[in-house]
Amino acid sequence: MLSCKDQRVKVIIPVERKTGVKRIEKEGEHITLVVTIFADGTMSKTGVILPLQNFPRALEAMKDDYAWAGTSSGWITEEVYRGWVQNVFVPEIIARRAKLENTKAPALLLLDAHS
């Protein structure tokens, strides 16, 4: 998850001013990242869940670099999770097992704070 809440911000202001002003939006967009790091230190394609129903044209150049999904809130859902497991995680495990020439090599998926 990317969040700009609860973070201190350093600003440079003129010496004669006592404080700086930062404009804060009341409601920001929530973007979820699904990052997978393997025991050998390599990563699979990062999942990005945007609070959009349609893929933004401005991101078209990065379409193949990430595993994109969209929900109305930007939070992961059961449907998005299943799609990520079926389309990203499982194929990655199959490819790694093939490279090891061991189709039954164990795989372990650890998740943080998700039911």
C-alpha atoms as a PDB file:
ATOM      1  CA  MET A   1       0.000   0.000   0.000  1.00  0.00           C
ATOM      2  CA  LEU A   2       1.203   3.490  -0.764  1.00  0.00           C
ATOM      3  CA  SER A   3       0.172   6.023   1.827  1.00  0.00           C
ATOM      4  CA  CYS A   4       1.142   9.605   2.392  1.00  0.00           C
ATOM      5  CA  LYS A   5      -0.585   9.819   5.763  1.00  0.00           C
ATOM      6  CA  ASP A   6       1.270   9.957   9.068  1.00  0.00           C
ATOM      7  CA  GLN A   7       4.558  10.939   7.469  1.00  0.00           C
ATOM      8  CA  ARG A   8       6.650  13.914   8.465  1.00  0.00           C
ATOM      9  CA  VAL A   9       7.485  16.237   5.620  1.00  0.00           C
ATOM     10  CA  LYS A  10      10.561  18.454   5.552  1.00  0.00           C
ATOM     11  CA  VAL A  11      10.196  21.741   3.734  1.00  0.00           C
ATOM     12  CA  ILE A  12      12.529  24.628   3.041  1.00  0.00           C
ATOM     13  CA  ILE A  13      11.054  28.039   3.844  1.00  0.00           C
ATOM     14  CA  PRO A  14      12.453  31.567   4.016  1.00  0.00           C
ATOM     15  CA  VAL A  15      14.213  32.400   7.295  1.00  0.00           C
ATOM     16  CA  GLU A  16      11.683  35.130   8.168  1.00  0.00           C
ATOM     17  CA  ARG A  17       8.803  32.605   8.153  1.00  0.00           C
ATOM     18  CA  LYS A  18       8.160  30.551  11.259  1.00  0.00           C
ATOM     19  CA  THR A  19       6.173  27.734   9.665  1.00  0.00           C
ATOM     20  CA  GLY A  20       5.479  26.188   6.301  1.00  0.00           C
ATOM     21  CA  VAL A  21       2.103  25.210   4.926  1.00  0.00           C
ATOM     22  CA  LYS A  22       1.347  21.902   3.285  1.00  0.00           C
ATOM     23  CA  ARG A  23      -1.963  21.434   1.534  1.00  0.00           C
ATOM     24  CA  ILE A  24      -3.435  18.034   2.400  1.00  0.00           C
ATOM     25  CA  GLU A  25      -6.286  16.453   0.520  1.00  0.00           C
ATOM     26  CA  LYS A  26      -8.989  15.137   2.792  1.00  0.00           C
ATOM     27  CA  GLU A  27      -9.330  11.874   0.874  1.00  0.00           C
ATOM     28  CA  GLY A  28      -6.448  10.497  -1.162  1.00  0.00           C
ATOM     29  CA  GLU A  29      -6.434   7.580  -3.549  1.00  0.00           C
ATOM     30  CA  HIS A  30      -5.507   4.199  -2.169  1.00  0.00           C
ATOM     31  CA  ILE A  31      -3.109   2.150  -4.293  1.00  0.00           C
ATOM     32  CA  THR A  32      -2.179  -1.375  -3.217  1.00  0.00           C
ATOM     33  CA  LEU A  33       1.117  -3.011  -4.220  1.00  0.00           C
ATOM     34  CA  VAL A  34       1.589  -6.787  -4.197  1.00  0.00           C
ATOM     35  CA  VAL A  35       5.312  -7.441  -3.894  1.00  0.00           C
ATOM     36  CA  THR A  36       6.708 -10.966  -4.078  1.00  0.00           C
ATOM     37  CA  ILE A  37      10.314 -11.635  -3.088  1.00  0.00           C
ATOM     38  CA  PHE A  38      11.716 -15.138  -3.333  1.00  0.00           C
ATOM     39  CA  ALA A  39      14.252 -16.765  -1.002  1.00  0.00           C
ATOM     40  CA  ASP A  40      17.000 -16.248  -3.607  1.00  0.00           C
ATOM     41  CA  GLY A  41      16.383 -12.483  -3.514  1.00  0.00           C
ATOM     42  CA  THR A  42      14.657 -12.244  -6.904  1.00  0.00           C
ATOM     43  CA  MET A  43      11.162 -10.885  -7.439  1.00  0.00           C
ATOM     44  CA  SER A  44       8.160 -11.688  -9.550  1.00  0.00           C
ATOM     45  CA  LYS A  45       6.117  -9.062 -11.359  1.00  0.00           C
ATOM     46  CA  THR A  46       4.756  -6.534  -8.855  1.00  0.00           C
ATOM     47  CA  GLY A  47       0.996  -6.283  -8.628  1.00  0.00           C
ATOM     48  CA  VAL A  48      -0.574  -2.828  -8.655  1.00  0.00           C
ATOM     49  CA  ILE A  49      -4.219  -2.336  -7.678  1.00  0.00           C
ATOM     50  CA  LEU A  50      -5.581   1.040  -8.722  1.00  0.00           C
ATOM     51  CA  PRO A  51      -8.878   2.623  -7.614  1.00  0.00           C
ATOM     52  CA  LEU A  52     -10.073   2.635 -11.225  1.00  0.00           C
ATOM     53  CA  GLN A  53     -12.326   0.557 -13.413  1.00  0.00           C
ATOM     54  CA  ASN A  54     -10.421   1.301 -16.645  1.00  0.00           C
ATOM     55  CA  PHE A  55      -6.683   1.184 -17.226  1.00  0.00           C
ATOM     56  CA  PRO A  56      -5.250   4.725 -17.577  1.00  0.00           C
ATOM     57  CA  ARG A  57      -3.846   5.514 -21.019  1.00  0.00           C
ATOM     58  CA  ALA A  58      -1.011   7.470 -19.358  1.00  0.00           C
ATOM     59  CA  LEU A  59       0.330   4.164 -17.965  1.00  0.00           C
ATOM     60  CA  GLU A  60       0.118   2.248 -21.252  1.00  0.00           C
ATOM     61  CA  ALA A  61       3.931   2.180 -21.651  1.00  0.00           C
ATOM     62  CA  MET A  62       4.215   0.295 -18.334  1.00  0.00           C
ATOM     63  CA  LYS A  63       1.383  -2.149 -18.995  1.00  0.00           C
ATOM     64  CA  ASP A  64       3.648  -5.208 -19.313  1.00  0.00           C
ATOM     65  CA  ASP A  65       5.943  -4.277 -16.411  1.00  0.00           C
ATOM     66  CA  TYR A  66       3.383  -4.888 -13.641  1.00  0.00           C
ATOM     67  CA  ALA A  67       0.418  -7.119 -12.854  1.00  0.00           C
ATOM     68  CA  TRP A  68      -2.365  -4.510 -12.952  1.00  0.00           C
ATOM     69  CA  ALA A  69      -5.814  -4.727 -11.395  1.00  0.00           C
ATOM     70  CA  GLY A  70      -8.520  -2.218 -10.596  1.00  0.00           C
ATOM     71  CA  THR A  71     -11.159  -2.000  -7.891  1.00  0.00           C
ATOM     72  CA  SER A  72     -13.432   0.864  -6.906  1.00  0.00           C
ATOM     73  CA  SER A  73     -11.446   1.378  -3.688  1.00  0.00           C
ATOM     74  CA  GLY A  74      -7.918   0.411  -4.729  1.00  0.00           C
ATOM     75  CA  TRP A  75      -7.901  -2.308  -2.044  1.00  0.00           C
ATOM     76  CA  ILE A  76      -7.282  -5.963  -2.820  1.00  0.00           C
ATOM     77  CA  THR A  77     -10.372  -8.159  -3.111  1.00  0.00           C
ATOM     78  CA  GLU A  78     -10.771 -11.920  -3.162  1.00  0.00           C
ATOM     79  CA  GLU A  79     -11.287 -11.778  -6.940  1.00  0.00           C
ATOM     80  CA  VAL A  80      -8.107  -9.728  -7.489  1.00  0.00           C
ATOM     81  CA  TYR A  81      -6.137 -12.005  -5.150  1.00  0.00           C
ATOM     82  CA  ARG A  82      -7.282 -15.141  -6.979  1.00  0.00           C
ATOM     83  CA  GLY A  83      -6.368 -13.570 -10.317  1.00  0.00           C
ATOM     84  CA  TRP A  84      -2.892 -12.676  -9.009  1.00  0.00           C
ATOM     85  CA  VAL A  85      -2.358 -16.224  -7.667  1.00  0.00           C
ATOM     86  CA  GLN A  86      -3.547 -17.857 -10.918  1.00  0.00           C
ATOM     87  CA  ASN A  87      -1.922 -15.453 -13.380  1.00  0.00           C
ATOM     88  CA  VAL A  88       1.286 -14.370 -11.616  1.00  0.00           C
ATOM     89  CA  PHE A  89       2.255 -16.503  -8.618  1.00  0.00           C
ATOM     90  CA  VAL A  90       1.476 -20.032  -9.864  1.00  0.00           C
ATOM     91  CA  PRO A  91       3.063 -19.505 -13.319  1.00  0.00           C
ATOM     92  CA  GLU A  92       6.167 -18.097 -11.585  1.00  0.00           C
ATOM     93  CA  ILE A  93       6.412 -21.174  -9.341  1.00  0.00           C
ATOM     94  CA  ILE A  94       5.964 -23.487 -12.340  1.00  0.00           C
ATOM     95  CA  ALA A  95       8.728 -21.642 -14.244  1.00  0.00           C
ATOM     96  CA  ARG A  96      11.076 -21.797 -11.248  1.00  0.00           C
ATOM     97  CA  ARG A  97      10.420 -25.508 -10.760  1.00  0.00           C
ATOM     98  CA  ALA A  98      11.136 -26.130 -14.449  1.00  0.00           C
ATOM     99  CA  LYS A  99      14.413 -24.238 -14.148  1.00  0.00           C
ATOM    100  CA  LEU A 100      15.329 -26.397 -11.134  1.00  0.00           C
ATOM    101  CA  GLU A 101      14.210 -29.495 -13.064  1.00  0.00           C
ATOM    102  CA  ASN A 102      12.083 -30.432 -10.056  1.00  0.00           C
ATOM    103  CA  THR A 103       8.337 -30.199 -10.664  1.00  0.00           C
ATOM    104  CA  LYS A 104       7.640 -30.995  -6.997  1.00  0.00           C
ATOM    105  CA  ALA A 105       9.977 -28.447  -5.392  1.00  0.00           C
ATOM    106  CA  PRO A 106       8.209 -26.913  -2.381  1.00  0.00           C
ATOM    107  CA  ALA A 107       6.834 -23.381  -2.442  1.00  0.00           C
ATOM    108  CA  LEU A 108       5.674 -21.324   0.525  1.00  0.00           C
ATOM    109  CA  LEU A 109       3.599 -18.141   0.301  1.00  0.00           C
ATOM    110  CA  LEU A 110       3.554 -15.859   3.360  1.00  0.00           C
ATOM    111  CA  LEU A 111       1.035 -13.020   3.515  1.00  0.00           C
ATOM    112  CA  ASP A 112       0.839 -10.176   5.975  1.00  0.00           C
ATOM    113  CA  ALA A 113      -2.437  -9.243   7.648  1.00  0.00           C
ATOM    114  CA  HIS A 114      -4.793 -10.604   4.996  1.00  0.00           C
ATOM    115  CA  SER A 115      -7.566 -13.065   5.643  1.00  0.00           C
END
